[in-house]
Amino acid sequence: MHQKLEEVFCLHSISSIREPKKSDIGLDVVIVTLHGGDAFTVDFDTAIIPLFWRPKVKLVSRLYNIEHNKTIKTFSVSKSITWREFIAKKFSLRGFFRWGPLYHTKDMEILLYKACYELLNKMRKAI
């Protein structure tokens, strides 16, 4: 996933800047949360509690002045699969019979791309 993140934010490395200017801005982006979704039940003899969690990606970014390493602004974005999409996959034949994982790498990459797009829009509107 980190490679996909680098593809989205295809910027020069800060280490390649020899003499930073006062106006140079750096960007750090971190994947804080990345988990697939699933569902199961907890049985307490008298009650059964269903537990569901959807696939989720959370990104945190920081814009900062390169020369002074001073943070200008931080941003955070969380992106999850919709409940409708989650339920459709969970109650499909694959989900019901557990034929492999519900969410493959490609599904998580799409979720990451959506989170990156939302993060970029948030940064663009704030600056």
Protein backbone atom coordinates (compact mmCIF):
# COMPACT_ATOMS: atom_id res chain seq x y z
CA MET A 1 0.00 0.00 0.00
CA HIS A 2 2.89 2.35 0.68
CA GLN A 3 4.00 1.96 -2.94
CA LYS A 4 0.51 2.95 -4.13
CA LEU A 5 0.64 5.95 -1.81
CA GLU A 6 3.94 7.02 -3.40
CA GLU A 7 2.36 6.66 -6.85
CA VAL A 8 -0.47 9.02 -5.91
CA PHE A 9 1.82 11.62 -4.33
CA CYS A 10 4.59 11.50 -6.94
CA LEU A 11 6.69 14.33 -5.48
CA HIS A 12 10.44 14.80 -5.22
CA SER A 13 12.09 13.58 -2.06
CA ILE A 14 13.00 16.32 0.40
CA SER A 15 16.52 14.91 0.63
CA SER A 16 17.00 15.87 -3.04
CA ILE A 17 16.57 19.58 -2.23
CA ARG A 18 20.03 21.09 -1.71
CA GLU A 19 19.12 24.63 -0.69
CA PRO A 20 15.52 25.01 0.48
CA LYS A 21 13.82 28.35 -0.07
CA LYS A 22 11.59 30.07 2.47
CA SER A 23 8.57 29.23 0.32
CA ASP A 24 9.33 25.48 -0.04
CA ILE A 25 6.67 23.25 1.50
CA GLY A 26 6.99 19.59 2.44
CA LEU A 27 4.26 16.98 2.66
CA ASP A 28 4.18 13.92 4.92
CA VAL A 29 1.39 11.38 4.37
CA VAL A 30 0.93 8.38 6.66
CA ILE A 31 -1.47 5.44 6.48
CA VAL A 32 -2.72 5.30 10.07
CA THR A 33 -5.39 2.63 9.64
CA LEU A 34 -5.75 -0.04 6.99
CA HIS A 35 -8.01 -2.97 7.74
CA GLY A 36 -10.33 -5.24 5.85
CA GLY A 37 -13.87 -5.90 6.94
CA ASP A 38 -15.57 -8.94 8.34
CA ALA A 39 -18.41 -10.07 10.55
CA PHE A 40 -18.90 -12.70 13.19
CA THR A 41 -21.06 -13.38 16.23
CA VAL A 42 -20.29 -13.67 19.92
CA ASP A 43 -22.46 -16.23 21.71
CA PHE A 44 -23.19 -15.73 25.44
CA ASP A 45 -25.61 -18.70 25.79
CA THR A 46 -28.51 -16.30 26.45
CA ALA A 47 -27.73 -13.78 23.73
CA ILE A 48 -25.91 -13.61 20.43
CA ILE A 49 -24.20 -10.36 19.52
CA PRO A 50 -23.29 -9.78 15.86
CA LEU A 51 -20.11 -7.79 15.24
CA PHE A 52 -19.46 -6.06 11.92
CA TRP A 53 -16.63 -3.88 10.72
CA ARG A 54 -16.16 -2.48 7.27
CA PRO A 55 -12.88 -2.07 5.39
CA LYS A 56 -11.31 1.25 6.32
CA VAL A 57 -8.37 3.43 5.34
CA LYS A 58 -7.30 6.42 7.42
CA LEU A 59 -4.69 8.87 6.17
CA VAL A 60 -3.03 11.70 8.08
CA SER A 61 -0.94 14.35 6.36
CA ARG A 62 1.16 17.30 7.39
CA LEU A 63 2.15 20.32 5.32
CA TYR A 64 5.24 22.02 6.69
CA ASN A 65 7.88 24.60 5.88
CA ILE A 66 10.99 22.70 4.79
CA GLU A 67 13.49 25.33 5.90
CA HIS A 68 12.19 25.60 9.49
CA ASN A 69 10.44 22.20 9.76
CA LYS A 70 7.42 24.06 11.14
CA THR A 71 3.96 22.54 10.61
CA ILE A 72 1.63 24.71 8.55
CA LYS A 73 -1.45 22.49 8.75
CA THR A 74 -2.43 18.87 9.37
CA PHE A 75 -5.21 16.92 7.68
CA SER A 76 -6.96 13.64 8.38
CA VAL A 77 -9.26 11.53 6.20
CA SER A 78 -11.05 8.22 6.83
CA LYS A 79 -12.67 6.25 4.05
CA SER A 80 -14.79 3.13 4.48
CA ILE A 81 -16.80 0.87 2.21
CA THR A 82 -20.50 1.78 2.30
CA TRP A 83 -22.78 -0.39 4.42
CA ARG A 84 -24.71 -1.36 1.30
CA GLU A 85 -21.57 -2.55 -0.46
CA PHE A 86 -20.35 -4.35 2.68
CA ILE A 87 -23.65 -6.21 3.20
CA ALA A 88 -23.82 -7.15 -0.49
CA LYS A 89 -20.36 -8.74 -0.31
CA LYS A 90 -20.88 -10.30 3.10
CA PHE A 91 -24.07 -12.06 2.03
CA SER A 92 -22.77 -13.13 -1.38
CA LEU A 93 -21.87 -16.79 -2.02
CA ARG A 94 -18.20 -16.07 -1.36
CA GLY A 95 -18.98 -14.27 1.88
CA PHE A 96 -21.48 -16.84 3.06
CA PHE A 97 -19.28 -19.88 2.38
CA ARG A 98 -15.98 -18.06 3.12
CA TRP A 99 -14.41 -18.84 -0.27
CA GLY A 100 -11.36 -16.63 0.17
CA PRO A 101 -11.19 -13.11 1.49
CA LEU A 102 -14.07 -10.72 0.94
CA TYR A 103 -11.76 -7.84 0.09
CA HIS A 104 -8.68 -8.33 -2.03
CA THR A 105 -5.72 -6.00 -2.46
CA LYS A 106 -7.40 -4.36 -5.45
CA ASP A 107 -10.45 -3.45 -3.32
CA MET A 108 -8.21 -1.91 -0.66
CA GLU A 109 -6.23 0.01 -3.31
CA ILE A 110 -9.45 1.55 -4.62
CA LEU A 111 -10.35 2.58 -1.07
CA LEU A 112 -6.85 4.06 -0.65
CA TYR A 113 -7.19 6.03 -3.90
CA LYS A 114 -10.55 7.43 -2.76
CA ALA A 115 -9.01 8.48 0.56
CA CYS A 116 -6.06 10.12 -1.24
CA TYR A 117 -8.42 12.02 -3.53
CA GLU A 118 -10.44 13.25 -0.55
CA LEU A 119 -7.23 14.24 1.27
CA LEU A 120 -5.94 16.18 -1.73
CA ASN A 121 -9.26 18.02 -2.04
CA LYS A 122 -9.19 18.87 1.66
CA MET A 123 -5.66 20.27 1.36
CA ARG A 124 -6.48 22.19 -1.83
CA LYS A 125 -9.52 23.86 -0.23
CA ALA A 126 -7.61 24.78 2.93
CA ILE A 127 -4.64 26.41 1.23
